[in-house]
Amino acid sequence: MAAPKRRTSKMKQRTRLAAQAWRAPKLRQCPKCGSSVPGHTACPTCKTYTTRSGAEIIIEVEA
């Protein structure tokens, strides 16, 4: 089994772990009702996805 040849420095370790940091989701405005919606998601208030209405798309919304 392979063993590390050198100790990982603190900077190298912190740089690697910084990529896994939590980031807040970026929200966009719904073009129809103006509420905040995450990207690539149907609006939970007016049931639209970009330009299509909820009647054209089957949406499962948790109540």
PDB file of N, CA and C in Angstrom:
ATOM      1  N   MET A   1       0.836  -1.178   0.000  1.00  0.00           N
ATOM      2  CA  MET A   1       0.000   0.000   0.000  1.00  0.00           C
ATOM      3  C   MET A   1       0.886   1.249   0.000  1.00  0.00           C
ATOM      4  N   ALA A   2       0.490   2.244  -0.766  1.00  0.00           N
ATOM      5  CA  ALA A   2       1.309   3.446  -0.893  1.00  0.00           C
ATOM      6  C   ALA A   2       1.222   4.307   0.361  1.00  0.00           C
ATOM      7  N   ALA A   3       2.327   4.925   0.695  1.00  0.00           N
ATOM      8  CA  ALA A   3       2.396   5.833   1.827  1.00  0.00           C
ATOM      9  C   ALA A   3       2.895   7.184   1.323  1.00  0.00           C
ATOM     10  N   PRO A   4       2.438   8.277   1.930  1.00  0.00           N
ATOM     11  CA  PRO A   4       2.906   9.584   1.479  1.00  0.00           C
ATOM     12  C   PRO A   4       4.404   9.759   1.723  1.00  0.00           C
ATOM     13  N   LYS A   5       5.095  10.322   0.743  1.00  0.00           N
ATOM     14  CA  LYS A   5       6.540  10.490   0.854  1.00  0.00           C
ATOM     15  C   LYS A   5       6.879  11.735   1.679  1.00  0.00           C
ATOM     16  N   ARG A   6       6.039  12.772   1.532  1.00  0.00           N
ATOM     17  CA  ARG A   6       6.253  14.017   2.266  1.00  0.00           C
ATOM     18  C   ARG A   6       4.970  14.415   2.986  1.00  0.00           C
ATOM     19  N   ARG A   7       5.122  15.192   4.046  1.00  0.00           N
ATOM     20  CA  ARG A   7       3.961  15.697   4.772  1.00  0.00           C
ATOM     21  C   ARG A   7       3.284  16.794   3.953  1.00  0.00           C
ATOM     22  N   THR A   8       1.952  16.791   3.934  1.00  0.00           N
ATOM     23  CA  THR A   8       1.213  17.826   3.221  1.00  0.00           C
ATOM     24  C   THR A   8       1.271  19.124   4.021  1.00  0.00           C
ATOM     25  N   SER A   9       1.687  20.206   3.381  1.00  0.00           N
ATOM     26  CA  SER A   9       1.817  21.480   4.084  1.00  0.00           C
ATOM     27  C   SER A   9       0.438  22.036   4.428  1.00  0.00           C
ATOM     28  N   LYS A  10       0.419  22.966   5.384  1.00  0.00           N
ATOM     29  CA  LYS A  10      -0.849  23.569   5.803  1.00  0.00           C
ATOM     30  C   LYS A  10      -1.491  24.343   4.652  1.00  0.00           C
ATOM     31  N   MET A  11      -0.688  25.030   3.862  1.00  0.00           N
ATOM     32  CA  MET A  11      -1.233  25.802   2.745  1.00  0.00           C
ATOM     33  C   MET A  11      -1.843  24.881   1.693  1.00  0.00           C
ATOM     34  N   LYS A  12      -1.169  23.800   1.381  1.00  0.00           N
ATOM     35  CA  LYS A  12      -1.673  22.843   0.387  1.00  0.00           C
ATOM     36  C   LYS A  12      -2.986  22.217   0.866  1.00  0.00           C
ATOM     37  N   GLN A  13      -3.037  21.864   2.144  1.00  0.00           N
ATOM     38  CA  GLN A  13      -4.235  21.253   2.710  1.00  0.00           C
ATOM     39  C   GLN A  13      -5.398  22.247   2.725  1.00  0.00           C
ATOM     40  N   ARG A  14      -5.151  23.481   3.150  1.00  0.00           N
ATOM     41  CA  ARG A  14      -6.209  24.490   3.218  1.00  0.00           C
ATOM     42  C   ARG A  14      -6.708  24.886   1.838  1.00  0.00           C
ATOM     43  N   THR A  15      -5.800  24.920   0.858  1.00  0.00           N
ATOM     44  CA  THR A  15      -6.199  25.227  -0.514  1.00  0.00           C
ATOM     45  C   THR A  15      -7.114  24.145  -1.056  1.00  0.00           C
ATOM     46  N   ARG A  16      -6.805  22.912  -0.767  1.00  0.00           N
ATOM     47  CA  ARG A  16      -7.627  21.787  -1.229  1.00  0.00           C
ATOM     48  C   ARG A  16      -9.003  21.811  -0.561  1.00  0.00           C
ATOM     49  N   LEU A  17      -9.049  22.069   0.732  1.00  0.00           N
ATOM     50  CA  LEU A  17     -10.312  22.075   1.461  1.00  0.00           C
ATOM     51  C   LEU A  17     -11.160  23.314   1.162  1.00  0.00           C
ATOM     52  N   ALA A  18     -10.551  24.392   0.687  1.00  0.00           N
ATOM     53  CA  ALA A  18     -11.298  25.617   0.386  1.00  0.00           C
ATOM     54  C   ALA A  18     -12.237  25.423  -0.792  1.00  0.00           C
ATOM     55  N   ALA A  19     -11.932  24.485  -1.672  1.00  0.00           N
ATOM     56  CA  ALA A  19     -12.794  24.230  -2.822  1.00  0.00           C
ATOM     57  C   ALA A  19     -14.091  23.555  -2.405  1.00  0.00           C
ATOM     58  N   GLN A  20     -14.113  22.943  -1.222  1.00  0.00           N
ATOM     59  CA  GLN A  20     -15.302  22.253  -0.740  1.00  0.00           C
ATOM     60  C   GLN A  20     -16.158  23.129   0.165  1.00  0.00           C
ATOM     61  N   ALA A  21     -15.811  24.401   0.289  1.00  0.00           N
ATOM     62  CA  ALA A  21     -16.532  25.294   1.192  1.00  0.00           C
ATOM     63  C   ALA A  21     -17.965  25.504   0.732  1.00  0.00           C
ATOM     64  N   TRP A  22     -18.877  25.711   1.700  1.00  0.00           N
ATOM     65  CA  TRP A  22     -20.283  25.929   1.384  1.00  0.00           C
ATOM     66  C   TRP A  22     -20.452  27.317   0.786  1.00  0.00           C
ATOM     67  N   ARG A  23     -21.274  27.404  -0.247  1.00  0.00           N
ATOM     68  CA  ARG A  23     -21.602  28.692  -0.860  1.00  0.00           C
ATOM     69  C   ARG A  23     -23.113  28.812  -0.930  1.00  0.00           C
ATOM     70  N   ALA A  24     -23.612  30.002  -0.727  1.00  0.00           N
ATOM     71  CA  ALA A  24     -25.054  30.228  -0.789  1.00  0.00           C
ATOM     72  C   ALA A  24     -25.538  30.037  -2.222  1.00  0.00           C
ATOM     73  N   PRO A  25     -26.726  29.442  -2.422  1.00  0.00           N
ATOM     74  CA  PRO A  25     -27.230  29.253  -3.781  1.00  0.00           C
ATOM     75  C   PRO A  25     -27.562  30.594  -4.430  1.00  0.00           C
ATOM     76  N   LYS A  26     -27.269  30.710  -5.713  1.00  0.00           N
ATOM     77  CA  LYS A  26     -27.547  31.946  -6.434  1.00  0.00           C
ATOM     78  C   LYS A  26     -28.995  31.921  -6.896  1.00  0.00           C
ATOM     79  N   LEU A  27     -29.742  32.941  -6.540  1.00  0.00           N
ATOM     80  CA  LEU A  27     -31.155  33.013  -6.878  1.00  0.00           C
ATOM     81  C   LEU A  27     -31.363  33.995  -8.020  1.00  0.00           C
ATOM     82  N   ARG A  28     -32.386  33.734  -8.817  1.00  0.00           N
ATOM     83  CA  ARG A  28     -32.755  34.645  -9.902  1.00  0.00           C
ATOM     84  C   ARG A  28     -34.198  35.059  -9.692  1.00  0.00           C
ATOM     85  N   GLN A  29     -34.629  36.086 -10.401  1.00  0.00           N
ATOM     86  CA  GLN A  29     -35.991  36.573 -10.295  1.00  0.00           C
ATOM     87  C   GLN A  29     -36.879  35.867 -11.311  1.00  0.00           C
ATOM     88  N   CYS A  30     -38.060  35.450 -10.891  1.00  0.00           N
ATOM     89  CA  CYS A  30     -39.026  34.836 -11.803  1.00  0.00           C
ATOM     90  C   CYS A  30     -39.542  35.927 -12.742  1.00  0.00           C
ATOM     91  N   PRO A  31     -39.538  35.683 -14.061  1.00  0.00           N
ATOM     92  CA  PRO A  31     -39.983  36.724 -14.987  1.00  0.00           C
ATOM     93  C   PRO A  31     -41.479  37.021 -14.893  1.00  0.00           C
ATOM     94  N   LYS A  32     -42.251  36.094 -14.369  1.00  0.00           N
ATOM     95  CA  LYS A  32     -43.701  36.290 -14.308  1.00  0.00           C
ATOM     96  C   LYS A  32     -44.148  36.946 -13.007  1.00  0.00           C
ATOM     97  N   CYS A  33     -43.706  36.404 -11.857  1.00  0.00           N
ATOM     98  CA  CYS A  33     -44.197  36.928 -10.576  1.00  0.00           C
ATOM     99  C   CYS A  33     -43.150  37.714  -9.793  1.00  0.00           C
ATOM    100  N   GLY A  34     -41.867  37.578 -10.149  1.00  0.00           N
ATOM    101  CA  GLY A  34     -40.822  38.363  -9.497  1.00  0.00           C
ATOM    102  C   GLY A  34     -40.269  37.763  -8.222  1.00  0.00           C
ATOM    103  N   SER A  35     -40.678  36.561  -7.839  1.00  0.00           N
ATOM    104  CA  SER A  35     -40.150  35.948  -6.626  1.00  0.00           C
ATOM    105  C   SER A  35     -38.777  35.334  -6.901  1.00  0.00           C
ATOM    106  N   SER A  36     -38.019  35.082  -5.838  1.00  0.00           N
ATOM    107  CA  SER A  36     -36.679  34.519  -5.967  1.00  0.00           C
ATOM    108  C   SER A  36     -36.772  33.015  -6.169  1.00  0.00           C
ATOM    109  N   VAL A  37     -36.067  32.514  -7.198  1.00  0.00           N
ATOM    110  CA  VAL A  37     -36.110  31.098  -7.550  1.00  0.00           C
ATOM    111  C   VAL A  37     -34.691  30.647  -7.857  1.00  0.00           C
ATOM    112  N   PRO A  38     -34.268  29.449  -7.370  1.00  0.00           N
ATOM    113  CA  PRO A  38     -32.969  28.938  -7.781  1.00  0.00           C
ATOM    114  C   PRO A  38     -32.955  28.608  -9.266  1.00  0.00           C
ATOM    115  N   GLY A  39     -31.783  28.651  -9.879  1.00  0.00           N
ATOM    116  CA  GLY A  39     -31.666  28.389 -11.303  1.00  0.00           C
ATOM    117  C   GLY A  39     -32.074  26.984 -11.686  1.00  0.00           C
ATOM    118  N   HIS A  40     -32.584  26.823 -12.891  1.00  0.00           N
ATOM    119  CA  HIS A  40     -33.002  25.542 -13.456  1.00  0.00           C
ATOM    120  C   HIS A  40     -34.079  24.874 -12.599  1.00  0.00           C
ATOM    121  N   THR A  41     -34.952  25.675 -11.998  1.00  0.00           N
ATOM    122  CA  THR A  41     -36.021  25.169 -11.145  1.00  0.00           C
ATOM    123  C   THR A  41     -37.312  25.914 -11.471  1.00  0.00           C
ATOM    124  N   ALA A  42     -38.434  25.198 -11.448  1.00  0.00           N
ATOM    125  CA  ALA A  42     -39.724  25.839 -11.671  1.00  0.00           C
ATOM    126  C   ALA A  42     -40.082  26.700 -10.472  1.00  0.00           C
ATOM    127  N   CYS A  43     -40.761  27.810 -10.723  1.00  0.00           N
ATOM    128  CA  CYS A  43     -41.160  28.733  -9.661  1.00  0.00           C
ATOM    129  C   CYS A  43     -42.255  28.066  -8.822  1.00  0.00           C
ATOM    130  N   PRO A  44     -42.078  27.991  -7.497  1.00  0.00           N
ATOM    131  CA  PRO A  44     -43.097  27.339  -6.677  1.00  0.00           C
ATOM    132  C   PRO A  44     -44.370  28.159  -6.508  1.00  0.00           C
ATOM    133  N   THR A  45     -44.307  29.486  -6.743  1.00  0.00           N
ATOM    134  CA  THR A  45     -45.497  30.315  -6.552  1.00  0.00           C
ATOM    135  C   THR A  45     -46.398  30.345  -7.776  1.00  0.00           C
ATOM    136  N   CYS A  46     -45.830  30.571  -8.958  1.00  0.00           N
ATOM    137  CA  CYS A  46     -46.669  30.678 -10.158  1.00  0.00           C
ATOM    138  C   CYS A  46     -46.557  29.460 -11.071  1.00  0.00           C
ATOM    139  N   LYS A  47     -45.733  28.487 -10.702  1.00  0.00           N
ATOM    140  CA  LYS A  47     -45.596  27.216 -11.430  1.00  0.00           C
ATOM    141  C   LYS A  47     -45.105  27.384 -12.871  1.00  0.00           C
ATOM    142  N   THR A  48     -44.216  28.336 -13.115  1.00  0.00           N
ATOM    143  CA  THR A  48     -43.660  28.503 -14.454  1.00  0.00           C
ATOM    144  C   THR A  48     -42.179  28.168 -14.438  1.00  0.00           C
ATOM    145  N   TYR A  49     -41.708  27.701 -15.572  1.00  0.00           N
ATOM    146  CA  TYR A  49     -40.280  27.434 -15.756  1.00  0.00           C
ATOM    147  C   TYR A  49     -39.857  28.209 -16.986  1.00  0.00           C
ATOM    148  N   THR A  50     -39.055  29.221 -16.813  1.00  0.00           N
ATOM    149  CA  THR A  50     -38.631  30.190 -17.843  1.00  0.00           C
ATOM    150  C   THR A  50     -39.858  30.730 -18.568  1.00  0.00           C
ATOM    151  N   THR A  51     -40.171  30.247 -19.750  1.00  0.00           N
ATOM    152  CA  THR A  51     -41.311  30.800 -20.496  1.00  0.00           C
ATOM    153  C   THR A  51     -42.486  29.844 -20.560  1.00  0.00           C
ATOM    154  N   ARG A  52     -42.314  28.598 -20.091  1.00  0.00           N
ATOM    155  CA  ARG A  52     -43.393  27.616 -20.169  1.00  0.00           C
ATOM    156  C   ARG A  52     -44.221  27.632 -18.898  1.00  0.00           C
ATOM    157  N   SER A  53     -45.511  27.365 -19.016  1.00  0.00           N
ATOM    158  CA  SER A  53     -46.382  27.363 -17.843  1.00  0.00           C
ATOM    159  C   SER A  53     -46.389  25.988 -17.195  1.00  0.00           C
ATOM    160  N   GLY A  54     -46.970  25.893 -16.011  1.00  0.00           N
ATOM    161  CA  GLY A  54     -47.020  24.638 -15.279  1.00  0.00           C
ATOM    162  C   GLY A  54     -47.943  23.619 -15.915  1.00  0.00           C
ATOM    163  N   ALA A  55     -48.874  24.057 -16.776  1.00  0.00           N
ATOM    164  CA  ALA A  55     -49.775  23.122 -17.438  1.00  0.00           C
ATOM    165  C   ALA A  55     -49.012  22.259 -18.442  1.00  0.00           C
ATOM    166  N   GLU A  56     -47.940  22.793 -19.010  1.00  0.00           N
ATOM    167  CA  GLU A  56     -47.156  22.058 -19.990  1.00  0.00           C
ATOM    168  C   GLU A  56     -46.131  21.137 -19.323  1.00  0.00           C
ATOM    169  N   ILE A  57     -45.769  21.445 -18.094  1.00  0.00           N
ATOM    170  CA  ILE A  57     -44.741  20.685 -17.390  1.00  0.00           C
ATOM    171  C   ILE A  57     -45.354  20.068 -16.133  1.00  0.00           C
ATOM    172  N   ILE A  58     -45.048  18.809 -15.878  1.00  0.00           N
ATOM    173  CA  ILE A  58     -45.536  18.165 -14.659  1.00  0.00           C
ATOM    174  C   ILE A  58     -44.580  18.560 -13.536  1.00  0.00           C
ATOM    175  N   ILE A  59     -45.098  19.228 -12.520  1.00  0.00           N
ATOM    176  CA  ILE A  59     -44.288  19.725 -11.423  1.00  0.00           C
ATOM    177  C   ILE A  59     -44.743  19.040 -10.141  1.00  0.00           C
ATOM    178  N   GLU A  60     -43.797  18.466  -9.422  1.00  0.00           N
ATOM    179  CA  GLU A  60     -44.090  17.886  -8.127  1.00  0.00           C
ATOM    180  C   GLU A  60     -43.566  18.841  -7.069  1.00  0.00           C
ATOM    181  N   VAL A  61     -44.482  19.543  -6.397  1.00  0.00           N
ATOM    182  CA  VAL A  61     -44.106  20.512  -5.388  1.00  0.00           C
ATOM    183  C   VAL A  61     -44.466  19.936  -4.036  1.00  0.00           C
ATOM    184  N   GLU A  62     -43.492  19.932  -3.124  1.00  0.00           N
ATOM    185  CA  GLU A  62     -43.749  19.429  -1.792  1.00  0.00           C
ATOM    186  C   GLU A  62     -44.579  20.450  -1.029  1.00  0.00           C
ATOM    187  N   ALA A  63     -45.645  19.991  -0.397  1.00  0.00           N
ATOM    188  CA  ALA A  63     -46.520  20.904   0.336  1.00  0.00           C
ATOM    189  C   ALA A  63     -46.223  20.903   1.811  1.00  0.00           C
TER     190      ALA A  63
END
